[in-house]
Amino acid sequence: MTHHPDDPFWEKHPDGVDHSEPDPPTGDSGAEGAYDEDAIWREIIENYGDRPTLGDSPLVEPVETERPPVAPVESEPIAPRNLFDTSHLDSMNSEASWEDEGHFVPPEPPPLPRLDPRRKLAWGGLFGAPVLLLLAVVFGWIYPTWLVAMLVAAFVGGFVYLVATMPGGRHDDWSGDDGAVV
């Protein structure tokens, strides 16, 4: 709730803050210190949307300070540059050229390892069977039941074979070669 300057509250509390101790509760629900809630809500509704002005409070006095005038800064106008002008690139070029840089050329990678024919067949079953079944669904093809059973068996068999033939060594073994070559 706001207090107006004519209110006796300002005579007791010139700084606008009530520093007195609150009265202890008496246990009486409606007697002392009761606020008229309807009046408070009416005041809120009546003042809804009002903006306070700076001169309303007697505690705040506007302080006028003089600021020195700001002198305008003189600057040279920026000359428009031609989009196709490459003269600013000449300062970037030095005596060394890109051919003199000695680029790193990586060695030829080793050939891919040759797969065992059984592994090739397992990879074909793992990826080929779902692709053929997906094509049948997309284009509305109807496969015989024995072919669908064979495709499912190829998928499951390929997966089982690849998992069963995985290397069993630990991957965190350090062989002393970290791969860095200087």
Protein backbone atom coordinates (compact mmCIF):
# COMPACT_ATOMS: atom_id res chain seq x y z
CA MET A 1 0.00 0.00 0.00
CA THR A 2 1.38 3.39 -0.88
CA HIS A 3 1.42 6.36 1.47
CA HIS A 4 0.68 9.87 0.30
CA PRO A 5 2.86 12.81 1.41
CA ASP A 6 -0.01 14.24 3.46
CA ASP A 7 -0.30 10.99 5.39
CA PRO A 8 0.90 11.14 9.04
CA PHE A 9 3.13 8.14 8.24
CA TRP A 10 5.68 10.52 6.71
CA GLU A 11 5.88 12.58 9.89
CA LYS A 12 6.86 9.52 11.92
CA HIS A 13 9.05 7.93 9.22
CA PRO A 14 10.79 10.53 7.06
CA ASP A 15 12.92 7.90 5.28
CA GLY A 16 9.78 6.03 4.19
CA VAL A 17 10.56 2.85 6.15
CA ASP A 18 8.74 1.76 9.28
CA HIS A 19 11.51 0.59 11.68
CA SER A 20 9.22 -0.11 14.62
CA GLU A 21 8.59 -3.60 15.90
CA PRO A 22 5.29 -5.11 14.76
CA ASP A 23 2.64 -5.61 17.36
CA PRO A 24 2.56 -9.15 18.73
CA PRO A 25 -0.41 -11.19 17.56
CA THR A 26 -3.21 -11.37 20.08
CA GLY A 27 -4.92 -14.40 18.66
CA ASP A 28 -8.01 -12.38 17.89
CA SER A 29 -8.84 -13.05 14.26
CA GLY A 30 -10.73 -9.88 13.35
CA ALA A 31 -9.84 -7.19 15.84
CA GLU A 32 -6.54 -5.32 15.88
CA GLY A 33 -4.43 -4.65 12.83
CA ALA A 34 -7.01 -5.96 10.43
CA TYR A 35 -6.87 -4.49 6.96
CA ASP A 36 -9.86 -3.67 4.90
CA GLU A 37 -9.10 -5.99 1.98
CA ASP A 38 -11.87 -4.57 -0.16
CA ALA A 39 -10.47 -1.06 0.22
CA ILE A 40 -6.98 -2.22 -0.68
CA TRP A 41 -8.24 -3.98 -3.81
CA ARG A 42 -10.30 -0.93 -4.78
CA GLU A 43 -7.19 1.26 -4.46
CA ILE A 44 -5.20 -1.16 -6.61
CA ILE A 45 -7.90 -1.21 -9.26
CA GLU A 46 -8.32 2.58 -9.22
CA ASN A 47 -4.58 3.13 -9.69
CA TYR A 48 -4.13 0.35 -12.25
CA GLY A 49 -2.15 1.57 -15.23
CA ASP A 50 -1.01 4.82 -13.59
CA ARG A 51 2.66 5.56 -14.02
CA PRO A 52 4.49 7.28 -11.21
CA THR A 53 6.15 10.57 -11.98
CA LEU A 54 9.51 11.54 -10.59
CA GLY A 55 8.28 14.51 -8.58
CA ASP A 56 5.73 12.57 -6.47
CA SER A 57 8.01 11.55 -3.64
CA PRO A 58 9.28 14.22 -1.21
CA LEU A 59 12.27 12.01 -0.42
CA VAL A 60 13.64 12.02 -3.93
CA GLU A 61 14.83 15.34 -5.15
CA PRO A 62 15.94 15.52 -8.73
CA VAL A 63 19.62 16.27 -8.98
CA GLU A 64 20.66 18.31 -11.95
CA THR A 65 24.18 17.75 -13.10
CA GLU A 66 25.74 19.52 -15.99
CA ARG A 67 27.49 17.43 -18.52
CA PRO A 68 30.22 18.87 -20.67
CA PRO A 69 29.19 19.19 -24.29
CA VAL A 70 30.47 16.47 -26.55
CA ALA A 71 32.64 17.76 -29.36
CA PRO A 72 31.92 16.22 -32.74
CA VAL A 73 34.67 13.96 -34.01
CA GLU A 74 36.02 14.82 -37.41
CA SER A 75 36.68 11.75 -39.51
CA GLU A 76 37.69 11.18 -43.05
CA PRO A 77 34.96 9.90 -45.30
CA ILE A 78 35.48 6.32 -46.34
CA ALA A 79 36.17 6.09 -50.02
CA PRO A 80 34.15 3.43 -51.78
CA ARG A 81 36.33 0.57 -52.96
CA ASN A 82 35.92 -1.26 -56.21
CA LEU A 83 34.75 -4.82 -55.68
CA PHE A 84 37.20 -6.09 -58.27
CA ASP A 85 40.19 -4.19 -56.88
CA THR A 86 42.82 -6.69 -55.73
CA SER A 87 45.57 -4.22 -54.86
CA HIS A 88 45.12 -4.84 -51.12
CA LEU A 89 46.02 -8.50 -51.69
CA ASP A 90 49.53 -7.60 -52.85
CA SER A 91 50.63 -6.88 -49.29
CA MET A 92 49.65 -10.43 -48.31
CA ASN A 93 51.82 -12.04 -50.94
CA SER A 94 55.43 -12.48 -49.93
CA GLU A 95 58.47 -13.84 -51.66
CA ALA A 96 57.63 -17.42 -50.67
CA SER A 97 55.08 -19.18 -52.81
CA TRP A 98 52.82 -22.10 -52.02
CA GLU A 99 55.12 -24.45 -53.90
CA ASP A 100 57.95 -23.59 -51.47
CA GLU A 101 55.93 -24.48 -48.42
CA GLY A 102 56.85 -28.16 -48.47
CA HIS A 103 53.37 -29.60 -48.06
CA PHE A 104 52.99 -32.88 -46.22
CA VAL A 105 52.09 -35.70 -48.56
CA PRO A 106 50.69 -38.67 -46.68
CA PRO A 107 51.96 -42.10 -47.61
CA GLU A 108 49.82 -44.37 -49.74
CA PRO A 109 47.32 -46.19 -47.49
CA PRO A 110 47.64 -49.94 -47.27
CA PRO A 111 45.16 -51.97 -49.33
CA LEU A 112 41.96 -53.09 -47.69
CA PRO A 113 42.14 -56.58 -46.24
CA ARG A 114 40.60 -59.35 -48.30
CA LEU A 115 37.49 -60.75 -46.71
CA ASP A 116 36.91 -64.43 -46.21
CA PRO A 117 34.09 -65.62 -48.51
CA ARG A 118 32.07 -66.76 -45.46
CA ARG A 119 32.32 -63.25 -43.97
CA LYS A 120 31.23 -61.71 -47.29
CA LEU A 121 28.20 -64.01 -47.28
CA ALA A 122 27.41 -63.05 -43.65
CA TRP A 123 27.59 -59.32 -44.47
CA GLY A 124 25.40 -59.90 -47.53
CA GLY A 125 22.78 -61.68 -45.41
CA LEU A 126 22.95 -59.01 -42.71
CA PHE A 127 22.32 -56.11 -45.11
CA GLY A 128 20.82 -57.78 -48.19
CA ALA A 129 17.89 -59.54 -46.55
CA PRO A 130 16.37 -56.43 -44.92
CA VAL A 131 16.83 -54.45 -48.16
CA LEU A 132 14.96 -57.09 -50.18
CA LEU A 133 12.16 -57.24 -47.59
CA LEU A 134 11.92 -53.43 -47.56
CA LEU A 135 11.69 -53.34 -51.36
CA ALA A 136 8.86 -55.89 -51.20
CA VAL A 137 6.93 -53.65 -48.80
CA VAL A 138 7.54 -50.44 -50.79
CA PHE A 139 6.66 -51.86 -54.21
CA GLY A 140 3.97 -54.29 -53.06
CA TRP A 141 5.81 -57.42 -54.19
CA ILE A 142 4.68 -60.69 -52.74
CA TYR A 143 7.40 -63.23 -52.00
CA PRO A 144 6.69 -66.91 -51.45
CA THR A 145 6.71 -67.94 -47.82
CA TRP A 146 9.84 -70.09 -48.19
CA LEU A 147 11.77 -67.07 -49.63
CA VAL A 148 10.72 -64.83 -46.73
CA ALA A 149 11.83 -67.55 -44.29
CA MET A 150 15.20 -67.83 -46.10
CA LEU A 151 15.73 -64.03 -45.97
CA VAL A 152 15.00 -63.95 -42.25
CA ALA A 153 17.35 -66.91 -41.71
CA ALA A 154 20.06 -65.17 -43.76
CA PHE A 155 19.75 -62.04 -41.62
CA VAL A 156 19.86 -63.92 -38.31
CA GLY A 157 22.59 -66.31 -39.50
CA GLY A 158 24.78 -63.46 -40.80
CA PHE A 159 24.46 -61.60 -37.52
CA VAL A 160 25.25 -64.68 -35.44
CA TYR A 161 28.26 -65.61 -37.60
CA LEU A 162 29.74 -62.07 -37.46
CA VAL A 163 29.32 -61.86 -33.68
CA ALA A 164 30.76 -65.37 -33.16
CA THR A 165 33.87 -64.61 -35.23
CA MET A 166 34.68 -61.26 -33.64
CA PRO A 167 38.23 -60.97 -32.29
CA GLY A 168 38.35 -61.79 -28.59
CA GLY A 169 41.28 -59.56 -27.56
CA ARG A 170 40.91 -56.51 -25.37
CA HIS A 171 40.93 -53.15 -27.13
CA ASP A 172 42.69 -51.33 -24.31
CA ASP A 173 45.96 -53.27 -24.68
CA TRP A 174 48.77 -50.83 -25.27
CA SER A 175 51.32 -52.18 -27.66
CA GLY A 176 53.68 -49.23 -27.29
CA ASP A 177 52.76 -47.68 -30.65
CA ASP A 178 50.59 -44.57 -30.29
CA GLY A 179 50.53 -43.99 -34.04
CA ALA A 180 52.35 -40.65 -34.03
CA VAL A 181 55.10 -40.27 -36.60
CA VAL A 182 57.27 -37.17 -36.66
